[in-house]
């Protein structure tokens, strides 16, 4: 079970995690981007995303996430979801360029995708539920 993060203000309990996530969005100039990052924490209402490129994210920005869930040797699973940037935890460290920033996302519509792994480790076609 992931470690719980205590907070009296939160509607949902927040848990530390290191799940991999693929983030799709658009920069302020409209150019699409795709980041491969890690989640710092997760709760019933959202996630905390670790990034070294906080300039790509702004409050109110719409994103699409593909979160890699724990898998087996036969099946890979992902949670696909829409998200909105709600907050940014500023980095005040002296070596700020070296430290990741936490971006808070509110999670909306979501679905699960499963892919069978072919012999040799390759994943097959995705199946959504």
Protein backbone atom coordinates (compact mmCIF):
# COMPACT_ATOMS: atom_id res chain seq x y z
CA UNK A 1 0.00 0.00 0.00
CA UNK A 2 1.44 3.44 -0.91
CA UNK A 3 2.36 5.82 1.90
CA UNK A 4 -0.41 8.24 2.89
CA UNK A 5 0.25 12.00 2.86
CA UNK A 6 -1.63 13.75 5.68
CA UNK A 7 -3.50 16.98 5.08
CA UNK A 8 -6.49 18.39 6.94
CA UNK A 9 -7.70 20.49 3.96
CA UNK A 10 -8.12 17.67 1.47
CA UNK A 11 -11.41 16.04 0.51
CA UNK A 12 -9.55 12.82 -0.44
CA UNK A 13 -6.58 11.08 1.15
CA UNK A 14 -3.41 11.53 -0.89
CA UNK A 15 -0.89 8.70 -1.41
CA UNK A 16 2.74 8.88 -2.52
CA UNK A 17 3.49 7.04 -5.77
CA UNK A 18 6.04 6.86 -8.55
CA UNK A 19 3.82 5.71 -11.42
CA UNK A 20 5.01 6.58 -14.94
CA UNK A 21 2.77 8.94 -16.91
CA UNK A 22 2.69 10.17 -20.49
CA UNK A 23 1.31 13.72 -20.63
CA UNK A 24 -0.14 15.23 -23.82
CA UNK A 25 -0.97 18.92 -24.04
CA UNK A 26 -0.45 22.14 -25.95
CA UNK A 27 2.01 24.92 -25.20
CA UNK A 28 0.74 28.51 -24.96
CA UNK A 29 1.65 29.01 -28.64
CA UNK A 30 -0.56 26.02 -29.58
CA UNK A 31 2.27 23.57 -30.31
CA UNK A 32 1.54 20.03 -29.06
CA UNK A 33 3.89 18.36 -26.58
CA UNK A 34 4.31 14.96 -24.98
CA UNK A 35 6.20 14.55 -21.68
CA UNK A 36 7.17 11.24 -20.05
CA UNK A 37 7.12 11.92 -16.31
CA UNK A 38 6.35 10.44 -12.88
CA UNK A 39 3.45 11.04 -10.54
CA UNK A 40 4.44 12.14 -7.04
CA UNK A 41 1.08 11.46 -5.41
CA UNK A 42 -2.46 10.40 -6.21
CA UNK A 43 -5.87 10.85 -4.57
CA UNK A 44 -9.55 10.39 -5.39
CA UNK A 45 -9.65 13.81 -7.05
CA UNK A 46 -6.31 14.27 -8.71
CA UNK A 47 -2.58 13.72 -8.97
CA UNK A 48 0.68 15.55 -8.30
CA UNK A 49 2.95 15.45 -11.34
CA UNK A 50 6.74 15.90 -11.16
CA UNK A 51 8.30 17.96 -13.97
CA UNK A 52 11.57 19.76 -14.68
CA UNK A 53 9.74 21.78 -17.37
CA UNK A 54 7.10 23.73 -15.40
CA UNK A 55 6.94 26.42 -18.11
CA UNK A 56 4.94 23.93 -20.22
CA UNK A 57 2.08 23.97 -17.68
CA UNK A 58 -0.36 26.74 -16.71
CA UNK A 59 -3.37 26.95 -14.41
CA UNK A 60 -6.52 25.88 -16.30
CA UNK A 61 -4.61 24.03 -19.03
CA UNK A 62 -6.29 20.87 -20.39
CA UNK A 63 -4.15 17.73 -20.59
CA UNK A 64 -4.54 14.08 -21.51
CA UNK A 65 -2.74 11.52 -19.31
CA UNK A 66 -1.77 7.91 -19.90
CA UNK A 67 -0.77 6.48 -16.51
CA UNK A 68 1.06 3.14 -16.52
CA UNK A 69 -0.53 0.88 -13.91
CA UNK A 70 1.16 -2.11 -12.28
CA UNK A 71 1.33 -4.85 -14.92
CA UNK A 72 1.93 -8.58 -15.17
CA UNK A 73 4.22 -10.54 -17.47
CA UNK A 74 1.19 -11.09 -19.77
CA UNK A 75 -0.74 -7.78 -19.62
CA UNK A 76 0.13 -4.07 -19.49
CA UNK A 77 -2.51 -1.70 -18.12
CA UNK A 78 -2.93 2.06 -18.40
CA UNK A 79 -5.40 4.60 -17.04
CA UNK A 80 -6.31 7.15 -19.72
CA UNK A 81 -7.78 10.39 -18.42
CA UNK A 82 -8.48 14.04 -19.03
CA UNK A 83 -6.97 16.46 -16.54
CA UNK A 84 -6.86 20.18 -15.76
CA UNK A 85 -3.89 21.97 -14.17
CA UNK A 86 -5.09 23.35 -10.81
CA UNK A 87 -1.91 24.44 -9.02
CA UNK A 88 1.88 24.52 -9.11
CA UNK A 89 4.06 23.97 -6.06
CA UNK A 90 6.87 26.50 -6.54
CA UNK A 91 10.44 25.33 -6.18
CA UNK A 92 12.31 27.60 -3.78
CA UNK A 93 15.48 25.51 -3.51
CA UNK A 94 18.83 27.16 -4.20
CA UNK A 95 19.45 24.59 -6.93
CA UNK A 96 15.93 25.05 -8.38
CA UNK A 97 17.03 24.12 -11.90
CA UNK A 98 17.96 20.65 -10.61
CA UNK A 99 14.77 20.06 -8.59
CA UNK A 100 11.46 18.95 -10.14
CA UNK A 101 8.33 21.08 -9.63
CA UNK A 102 5.04 19.50 -8.54
CA UNK A 103 2.04 20.35 -10.75
CA UNK A 104 -1.41 19.60 -9.29
CA UNK A 105 -3.95 18.14 -11.69
CA UNK A 106 -7.68 17.54 -11.26
CA UNK A 107 -8.67 14.29 -12.97
CA UNK A 108 -11.85 14.08 -15.04
CA UNK A 109 -13.12 11.49 -17.51
CA UNK A 110 -11.11 8.25 -17.37
CA UNK A 111 -10.91 4.77 -18.84
CA UNK A 112 -8.66 1.73 -18.56
CA UNK A 113 -6.63 0.26 -21.43
CA UNK A 114 -5.15 -3.26 -21.39
CA UNK A 115 -2.56 -4.64 -23.81
CA UNK A 116 -1.50 -8.24 -24.02
CA UNK A 117 2.23 -8.71 -24.17
CA UNK A 118 3.40 -10.89 -27.03
CA UNK A 119 6.11 -13.48 -26.35
CA UNK A 120 9.42 -11.63 -26.15
CA UNK A 121 8.00 -8.64 -24.28
CA UNK A 122 6.28 -6.66 -27.07
CA UNK A 123 2.79 -5.37 -26.29
CA UNK A 124 -0.05 -6.21 -28.62
CA UNK A 125 -3.13 -4.17 -29.54
CA UNK A 126 -4.74 -2.13 -26.77
CA UNK A 127 -8.16 -3.01 -25.36
CA UNK A 128 -10.25 -0.41 -23.56
CA UNK A 129 -12.91 -1.02 -20.96
